[in-house]
Amino acid sequence: MMSVDEDDVEFSDLEASTEVWCPYCGEAVELLIDTGGGGLQEYVEDCEVCCQPWRVRLRISPDGSATAELATLDEA
């Protein structure tokens, strides 16, 4: 099986947003992705609808797809 070194991937060429759902209010929100942050990112961002803070865990695959997991700040 061939593996891809994330250091070799040009993240600046990948998609820059993905749709997510707020764990507080349930509204769909477009999450803007800072592709310059690399393939694995974790940060806190506020919902643009209800203003509650999310913990965002983001993975950008070498093929350009982004997977985001949102959780409330009190979730482990």
Protein backbone atom coordinates (compact mmCIF):
# COMPACT_ATOMS: atom_id res chain seq x y z
CA MET A 1 0.00 0.00 0.00
CA MET A 2 1.31 3.44 -0.93
CA SER A 3 1.27 6.16 1.72
CA VAL A 4 1.24 9.89 1.11
CA ASP A 5 3.41 12.21 3.19
CA GLU A 6 1.23 15.18 4.20
CA ASP A 7 4.29 17.44 3.87
CA ASP A 8 4.19 16.76 0.10
CA VAL A 9 0.56 17.85 -0.33
CA GLU A 10 -0.19 21.38 -1.55
CA PHE A 11 -3.00 22.29 0.86
CA SER A 12 -3.40 25.76 -0.65
CA ASP A 13 -4.92 24.10 -3.75
CA LEU A 14 -7.67 22.27 -1.86
CA GLU A 15 -11.31 23.15 -1.16
CA ALA A 16 -11.74 25.99 1.28
CA SER A 17 -15.10 25.21 2.91
CA THR A 18 -17.38 22.41 4.06
CA GLU A 19 -20.92 22.31 5.43
CA VAL A 20 -21.33 21.40 9.12
CA TRP A 21 -24.17 21.40 11.66
CA CYS A 22 -23.92 23.26 14.95
CA PRO A 23 -24.01 20.87 17.94
CA TYR A 24 -25.98 23.51 19.89
CA CYS A 25 -28.67 24.90 17.57
CA GLY A 26 -28.55 22.30 14.76
CA GLU A 27 -28.32 24.90 11.99
CA ALA A 28 -26.26 24.15 8.88
CA VAL A 29 -23.25 26.46 8.61
CA GLU A 30 -20.50 26.70 6.01
CA LEU A 31 -17.18 26.16 7.77
CA LEU A 32 -14.36 28.07 6.11
CA ILE A 33 -11.11 26.14 6.12
CA ASP A 34 -7.67 27.73 6.44
CA THR A 35 -5.83 25.30 4.19
CA GLY A 36 -2.54 26.91 5.20
CA GLY A 37 -3.00 25.33 8.63
CA GLY A 38 -2.06 21.90 7.30
CA GLY A 39 -3.82 18.56 7.00
CA LEU A 40 -4.71 18.14 10.68
CA GLN A 41 -6.18 21.04 12.62
CA GLU A 42 -7.96 21.56 15.94
CA TYR A 43 -9.33 24.90 17.07
CA VAL A 44 -12.33 26.70 18.63
CA GLU A 45 -14.80 28.66 16.48
CA ASP A 46 -18.15 30.28 17.30
CA CYS A 47 -21.37 29.36 15.49
CA GLU A 48 -22.41 32.22 13.21
CA VAL A 49 -26.08 31.53 14.04
CA CYS A 50 -26.23 31.05 17.86
CA CYS A 51 -22.70 32.28 18.80
CA GLN A 52 -21.92 29.18 20.91
CA PRO A 53 -18.29 27.93 20.75
CA TRP A 54 -17.44 24.67 18.96
CA ARG A 55 -14.34 22.53 19.17
CA VAL A 56 -13.45 21.83 15.52
CA ARG A 57 -11.31 18.84 14.53
CA LEU A 58 -10.46 19.03 10.85
CA ARG A 59 -8.63 16.63 8.56
CA ILE A 60 -7.82 17.45 4.95
CA SER A 61 -7.05 14.36 2.89
CA PRO A 62 -4.45 14.37 0.11
CA ASP A 63 -7.30 14.04 -2.43
CA GLY A 64 -8.69 17.41 -1.26
CA SER A 65 -11.67 16.22 0.75
CA ALA A 66 -12.18 17.75 4.19
CA THR A 67 -13.71 16.01 7.20
CA ALA A 68 -14.79 18.14 10.14
CA GLU A 69 -15.97 16.97 13.55
CA LEU A 70 -17.70 19.48 15.81
CA ALA A 71 -18.25 19.14 19.53
CA THR A 72 -19.37 21.41 22.34
CA LEU A 73 -16.53 22.67 24.52
CA ASP A 74 -17.71 20.59 27.48
CA GLU A 75 -17.47 17.34 25.46
CA ALA A 76 -14.21 15.44 25.74
